[in-house]
Protein backbone atom coordinates (compact mmCIF):
# COMPACT_ATOMS: atom_id res chain seq x y z
CA UNK A 1 95.93 113.10 107.76
CA UNK A 2 93.11 111.88 109.97
CA UNK A 3 92.80 108.26 111.08
CA UNK A 4 89.81 107.82 108.77
CA UNK A 5 91.81 109.18 105.83
CA UNK A 6 94.67 106.81 106.64
CA UNK A 7 92.24 103.87 106.70
CA UNK A 8 90.82 104.92 103.34
CA UNK A 9 94.34 105.18 101.87
CA UNK A 10 95.24 101.70 103.15
CA UNK A 11 92.10 100.19 101.66
CA UNK A 12 92.56 102.05 98.38
CA UNK A 13 96.19 101.00 97.88
CA UNK A 14 96.06 97.45 99.24
CA UNK A 15 92.42 96.37 98.71
CA UNK A 16 92.55 94.93 102.23
CA UNK A 17 90.75 96.14 105.32
CA UNK A 18 93.06 98.23 107.55
CA UNK A 19 94.02 96.83 110.96
CA UNK A 20 91.49 97.32 113.75
CA UNK A 21 93.93 99.57 115.58
CA UNK A 22 96.42 101.76 113.76
CA UNK A 23 99.95 101.68 115.20
CA UNK A 24 101.95 104.76 114.23
CA UNK A 25 105.75 104.47 114.53
CA UNK A 26 107.93 107.58 114.69
CA UNK A 27 111.01 106.04 116.39
CA UNK A 28 112.46 103.16 114.35
CA UNK A 29 115.27 102.26 116.77
CA UNK A 30 113.60 98.98 117.84
CA UNK A 31 113.12 97.63 114.33
CA UNK A 32 112.35 94.11 115.56
CA UNK A 33 109.11 95.41 117.08
CA UNK A 34 107.91 96.97 113.81
CA UNK A 35 105.45 94.55 112.21
CA UNK A 36 103.30 94.24 109.10
CA UNK A 37 100.35 96.60 109.43
CA UNK A 38 102.31 99.26 111.34
CA UNK A 39 102.60 102.73 109.83
CA UNK A 40 105.91 104.59 109.74
CA UNK A 41 105.45 108.34 110.08
CA UNK A 42 108.55 110.15 108.79
CA UNK A 43 108.41 113.93 108.59
CA UNK A 44 104.72 113.80 107.74
CA UNK A 45 105.06 111.03 105.14
CA UNK A 46 103.26 107.77 105.87
CA UNK A 47 104.42 104.29 104.89
CA UNK A 48 102.44 101.10 105.54
CA UNK A 49 104.71 98.21 106.52
CA UNK A 50 103.89 95.00 104.66
CA UNK A 51 106.57 92.69 106.08
CA UNK A 52 110.31 92.09 105.80
CA UNK A 53 112.60 91.62 102.82
CA UNK A 54 114.36 88.26 102.71
CA UNK A 55 118.09 87.61 102.84
CA UNK A 56 119.66 86.75 99.49
CA UNK A 57 123.08 85.90 100.90
CA UNK A 58 123.94 82.32 100.02
CA UNK A 59 123.33 79.93 102.89
CA UNK A 60 120.82 82.33 104.45
CA UNK A 61 118.26 82.40 101.63
CA UNK A 62 114.78 83.03 102.95
CA UNK A 63 115.87 84.47 106.31
CA UNK A 64 114.02 87.72 107.07
CA UNK A 65 116.01 90.94 107.28
CA UNK A 66 114.12 92.57 110.15
CA UNK A 67 115.76 95.97 109.56
CA UNK A 68 114.58 96.04 105.91
CA UNK A 69 110.82 96.47 105.55
CA UNK A 70 108.52 96.06 102.58
CA UNK A 71 106.25 99.09 102.52
CA UNK A 72 103.73 101.11 100.55
CA UNK A 73 103.82 104.89 100.28
CA UNK A 74 100.31 105.83 101.38
CA UNK A 75 100.46 109.06 99.38
CA UNK A 76 100.62 107.35 95.99
CA UNK A 77 100.55 103.57 96.57
CA UNK A 78 104.09 103.05 95.26
CA UNK A 79 105.97 100.02 96.68
CA UNK A 80 109.04 100.93 98.73
CA UNK A 81 111.85 99.23 100.60
CA UNK A 82 112.46 100.88 103.97
CA UNK A 83 115.96 100.33 105.40
CA UNK A 84 116.29 101.00 109.12
CA UNK A 85 119.47 101.47 111.15
CA UNK A 86 121.33 98.23 111.83
CA UNK A 87 125.04 98.09 112.68
CA UNK A 88 127.31 95.08 112.32
CA UNK A 89 131.04 94.46 111.95
CA UNK A 90 132.92 91.43 110.67
CA UNK A 91 136.30 90.39 109.24
CA UNK A 92 136.71 89.37 105.60
CA UNK A 93 139.64 87.18 104.56
CA UNK A 94 141.18 88.09 101.19
CA UNK A 95 144.37 86.19 100.46
CA UNK A 96 146.73 87.03 103.31
CA UNK A 97 144.69 90.04 104.43
CA UNK A 98 142.05 90.33 107.16
CA UNK A 99 139.82 93.25 106.20
CA UNK A 100 137.43 94.86 108.67
CA UNK A 101 133.97 95.46 107.20
CA UNK A 102 131.08 97.33 108.78
CA UNK A 103 127.55 98.35 107.93
CA UNK A 104 127.04 102.11 107.71
CA UNK A 105 123.55 103.55 107.09
CA UNK A 106 125.00 107.06 106.73
CA UNK A 107 127.36 105.85 103.99
CA UNK A 108 124.43 104.42 102.03
CA UNK A 109 122.54 107.68 102.47
CA UNK A 110 125.52 109.56 101.08
CA UNK A 111 125.73 107.29 98.04
CA UNK A 112 121.99 107.56 97.35
CA UNK A 113 122.55 111.29 97.00
CA UNK A 114 125.58 110.82 94.75
CA UNK A 115 123.93 108.35 92.36
CA UNK A 116 120.57 110.08 92.09
CA UNK A 117 119.19 109.55 88.55
CA UNK A 118 122.03 107.14 87.66
CA UNK A 119 120.31 104.36 85.67
CA UNK A 120 122.42 101.53 87.12
CA UNK A 121 121.85 102.17 90.84
CA UNK A 122 118.78 101.74 93.02
CA UNK A 123 117.11 105.07 93.76
CA UNK A 124 115.90 106.50 97.03
CA UNK A 125 116.32 109.15 99.68
CA UNK A 126 116.86 109.43 103.43
CA UNK A 127 114.40 110.75 106.00
CA UNK A 128 115.40 111.02 109.67
CA UNK A 129 112.90 109.57 112.11
CA UNK A 130 111.83 111.39 115.27
CA UNK A 131 115.10 110.57 117.08
CA UNK A 132 117.41 111.14 114.11
CA UNK A 133 117.87 107.62 112.73
CA UNK A 134 118.65 107.85 108.98
CA UNK A 135 115.79 105.87 107.41
CA UNK A 136 116.38 105.10 103.75
CA UNK A 137 113.30 104.96 101.52
CA UNK A 138 114.13 102.99 98.37
CA UNK A 139 112.11 102.61 95.18
CA UNK A 140 111.22 98.92 94.86
CA UNK A 141 112.82 97.40 91.76
CA UNK A 142 110.38 95.08 90.02
CA UNK A 143 112.56 92.40 88.51
CA UNK A 144 114.86 89.46 89.14
CA UNK A 145 118.20 89.06 90.88
CA UNK A 146 121.06 88.53 88.43
CA UNK A 147 122.07 85.43 90.43
CA UNK A 148 118.66 83.86 89.85
CA UNK A 149 118.52 84.96 86.22
CA UNK A 150 121.75 83.11 85.38
CA UNK A 151 120.76 79.97 87.29
CA UNK A 152 117.39 79.87 85.55
CA UNK A 153 118.88 79.83 82.04
CA UNK A 154 117.87 76.48 80.60
CA UNK A 155 120.71 75.78 78.19
CA UNK A 156 124.18 74.31 78.26
CA UNK A 157 127.25 76.48 78.71
CA UNK A 158 128.36 76.46 75.07
CA UNK A 159 124.93 77.46 73.78
CA UNK A 160 124.72 80.14 76.47
CA UNK A 161 128.18 81.47 75.68
CA UNK A 162 127.56 81.85 71.95
CA UNK A 163 123.90 82.90 72.01
CA UNK A 164 123.15 84.78 75.23
CA UNK A 165 126.44 85.70 76.87
CA UNK A 166 127.33 88.68 74.60
CA UNK A 167 124.23 90.63 75.68
CA UNK A 168 124.68 89.64 79.33
CA UNK A 169 128.36 90.60 79.12
CA UNK A 170 127.45 94.03 77.71
CA UNK A 171 125.09 94.68 80.63
CA UNK A 172 127.65 93.54 83.19
CA UNK A 173 130.28 95.85 81.63
CA UNK A 174 127.79 98.70 82.05
CA UNK A 175 127.38 97.72 85.71
CA UNK A 176 131.16 97.77 86.16
CA UNK A 177 131.26 101.16 84.46
CA UNK A 178 128.69 102.34 87.02
CA UNK A 179 130.98 101.19 89.85
CA UNK A 180 133.78 103.11 88.15
CA UNK A 181 131.54 106.19 88.26
CA UNK A 182 131.03 105.62 91.97
CA UNK A 183 134.77 105.19 92.58
CA UNK A 184 135.42 108.43 90.70
CA UNK A 185 133.06 110.08 93.18
CA UNK A 186 135.28 108.82 96.02
CA UNK A 187 133.01 106.05 97.32
CA UNK A 188 132.78 102.26 97.18
CA UNK A 189 129.84 99.89 96.89
CA UNK A 190 131.25 97.70 99.64
CA UNK A 191 129.21 94.53 99.08
CA UNK A 192 129.46 93.56 95.42
CA UNK A 193 127.69 90.23 94.91
CA UNK A 194 125.73 88.51 92.17
CA UNK A 195 122.49 88.94 94.12
CA UNK A 196 123.13 92.69 94.48
CA UNK A 197 122.40 93.28 90.82
CA UNK A 198 118.72 93.38 89.88
CA UNK A 199 117.43 93.22 86.31
CA UNK A 200 114.45 95.55 86.07
CA UNK A 201 111.54 93.77 84.44
CA UNK A 202 110.26 96.56 82.22
CA UNK A 203 113.48 98.18 81.01
CA UNK A 204 115.83 95.15 81.36
CA UNK A 205 118.28 97.57 83.00
CA UNK A 206 120.81 96.05 85.40
CA UNK A 207 120.85 97.96 88.71
CA UNK A 208 123.07 97.79 91.79
CA UNK A 209 121.36 97.56 95.17
CA UNK A 210 122.44 97.59 98.83
CA UNK A 211 125.54 99.71 99.31
CA UNK A 212 125.56 100.21 103.08
CA UNK A 213 128.76 98.20 103.69
CA UNK A 214 132.16 99.85 103.92
CA UNK A 215 135.58 98.34 104.57
CA UNK A 216 139.00 99.34 105.83
CA UNK A 217 141.85 98.29 103.53
CA UNK A 218 144.65 100.84 103.33
CA UNK A 219 146.56 98.85 100.68
CA UNK A 220 143.81 99.43 98.10
CA UNK A 221 140.71 101.42 99.07
CA UNK A 222 138.84 100.01 96.07
CA UNK A 223 140.28 96.49 96.27
CA UNK A 224 137.32 94.67 97.83
CA UNK A 225 135.00 96.13 95.20
CA UNK A 226 137.39 95.01 92.47
CA UNK A 227 137.56 91.44 93.74
CA UNK A 228 133.77 91.43 93.99
CA UNK A 229 133.63 92.45 90.33
CA UNK A 230 136.04 89.63 89.48
CA UNK A 231 133.69 87.21 91.21
CA UNK A 232 130.76 88.53 89.16
CA UNK A 233 132.75 88.14 85.94
CA UNK A 234 133.65 84.56 86.87
CA UNK A 235 129.96 83.83 87.49
CA UNK A 236 128.87 85.55 84.27
CA UNK A 237 131.42 83.92 81.98
CA UNK A 238 131.01 80.50 83.59
CA UNK A 239 127.19 80.60 83.69
CA UNK A 240 127.49 79.99 87.41
CA UNK A 241 130.36 78.88 89.61
CA UNK A 242 132.41 75.75 89.04
CA UNK A 243 133.84 74.36 92.26
CA UNK A 244 136.61 71.85 92.79
CA UNK A 245 134.46 69.64 95.11
CA UNK A 246 131.81 69.38 92.36
CA UNK A 247 134.43 68.24 89.84
CA UNK A 248 135.67 65.64 92.32
CA UNK A 249 132.16 64.17 92.46
CA UNK A 250 132.62 63.42 88.74
CA UNK A 251 136.19 62.21 89.04
CA UNK A 252 136.06 60.03 85.93
CA UNK A 253 134.88 62.91 83.74
CA UNK A 254 137.24 65.56 85.11
CA UNK A 255 140.28 63.54 86.18
CA UNK A 256 142.65 65.25 83.71
CA UNK A 257 141.48 68.75 84.72
CA UNK A 258 141.71 67.96 88.44
CA UNK A 259 145.23 66.60 88.01
CA UNK A 260 146.33 69.79 86.25
CA UNK A 261 144.87 72.33 88.72
CA UNK A 262 147.28 74.73 90.41
CA UNK A 263 146.97 77.94 92.42
CA UNK A 264 146.82 79.79 89.09
CA UNK A 265 143.50 78.14 88.32
CA UNK A 266 141.44 79.05 91.41
CA UNK A 267 140.06 82.29 92.79
CA UNK A 268 141.95 84.30 95.38
CA UNK A 269 138.64 85.29 96.96
CA UNK A 270 137.18 81.75 96.99
CA UNK A 271 139.88 79.11 96.80
CA UNK A 272 137.44 76.31 95.89
CA UNK A 273 136.19 78.07 92.74
CA UNK A 274 137.87 77.51 89.38
CA UNK A 275 138.61 80.84 87.73
CA UNK A 276 140.70 79.58 84.82
CA UNK A 277 137.54 78.76 82.91
CA UNK A 278 139.32 77.86 79.66
CA UNK A 279 140.29 74.59 81.34
CA UNK A 280 136.59 73.76 81.44
CA UNK A 281 135.41 75.63 78.33
CA UNK A 282 138.24 75.97 75.79
CA UNK A 283 136.09 78.08 73.42
CA UNK A 284 136.26 81.03 75.85
CA UNK A 285 138.53 83.62 74.18
CA UNK A 286 142.03 83.86 75.62
CA UNK A 287 141.85 87.62 76.23
CA UNK A 288 138.60 87.28 78.19
CA UNK A 289 140.07 84.47 80.26
CA UNK A 290 143.17 86.59 80.93
CA UNK A 291 140.97 89.16 82.65
CA UNK A 292 139.79 86.46 85.05
CA UNK A 293 143.35 85.36 85.73
CA UNK A 294 144.07 88.72 87.38
CA UNK A 295 141.80 87.47 90.21
CA UNK A 296 143.46 84.08 90.70
CA UNK A 297 145.60 82.92 93.61
CA UNK A 298 148.60 82.77 91.32
CA UNK A 299 148.19 86.27 89.87
CA UNK A 300 151.30 88.45 90.03
CA UNK A 301 149.52 91.61 88.89
CA UNK A 302 146.10 92.70 90.19
CA UNK A 303 143.81 95.41 88.94
CA UNK A 304 144.21 98.55 91.03
CA UNK A 305 141.34 100.55 89.54
CA UNK A 306 138.04 99.83 87.86
CA UNK A 307 139.15 101.89 84.86
CA UNK A 308 141.97 99.39 84.23
CA UNK A 309 139.49 96.52 84.40
CA UNK A 310 137.06 98.34 82.10
CA UNK A 311 139.72 98.97 79.49
CA UNK A 312 140.46 95.24 79.23
CA UNK A 313 136.78 94.28 79.28
CA UNK A 314 135.83 96.71 76.55
CA UNK A 315 138.50 95.17 74.33
CA UNK A 316 137.08 91.71 75.08
CA UNK A 317 133.57 92.95 74.39
CA UNK A 318 134.58 93.99 70.89
CA UNK A 319 136.13 90.56 70.34
CA UNK A 320 133.02 88.69 71.48
CA UNK A 321 130.68 90.91 69.43
CA UNK A 322 132.85 90.53 66.34
CA UNK A 323 132.86 86.75 66.66
CA UNK A 324 129.10 86.73 67.09
CA UNK A 325 128.62 88.85 63.99
CA UNK A 326 130.81 86.45 62.05
CA UNK A 327 128.81 83.48 63.33
CA UNK A 328 131.99 81.90 64.69
CA UNK A 329 132.14 79.67 67.73
CA UNK A 330 135.80 80.37 68.50
């Protein structure tokens, strides 16, 4: 493609004048130097960089992820997310365990191949740049983060639980089933969080994103994923998280609950979060609450596989749907 043709493509797909000087990038190793207006050339395919995606991790909201670029495919004008190579390692504390986690671009490339056409995973492919870096080209999901969707629901918990929760619960069970599919393929998501599910605007399909993390935990190779799913269930059932410090701010209202809290009532993953939600919302069915209790500090039995978790959730799903059909609030 000639420079004039590239300029015409840019103007056609963006309705903005192209930069005065085109900067073509074939080596993405120095991702910090790649700026909006640059063009990534990957095996003859051209992508116009439009900026950086923002961090959704809590406490870092709004921070740019310089290795993750917003882009436009100049062939067809489709929006893309371009993920460049970035390595990091950190320790995660889970109960008494320190678990080593690391970011692996090649692992995400492998999973993109495995979940191709799966409706509940982001879709994309990998193209090596000129020096062999695995650049992942992801279809941009037009929609909302599940985390934001729940927080933007303008109703109290009881109304949410009886009116909206059953449909949300069904979609989350489908997401967990998708993780079970991935585990059956011998891989893990690695970074299961409430902001790593997107709800696609047009189809309302819930989709997993960002699976470039992996972890080393010999005791249970799928354990970190499972505890991440427990955290998502706690968030979904509770319509957000309910933290001990927040209850203490309303001591007069929650004094009896605070006095009764034990290790059985809080999350193993996040010790300040109440996971025994029936103490706050007694209309939550006992069997659904019992699923959550497998993720508490006081749990004696943990889920070892996603299929075990799914079996219990599917039973709870029938219970919730049946109660809804009967118009019952218990």
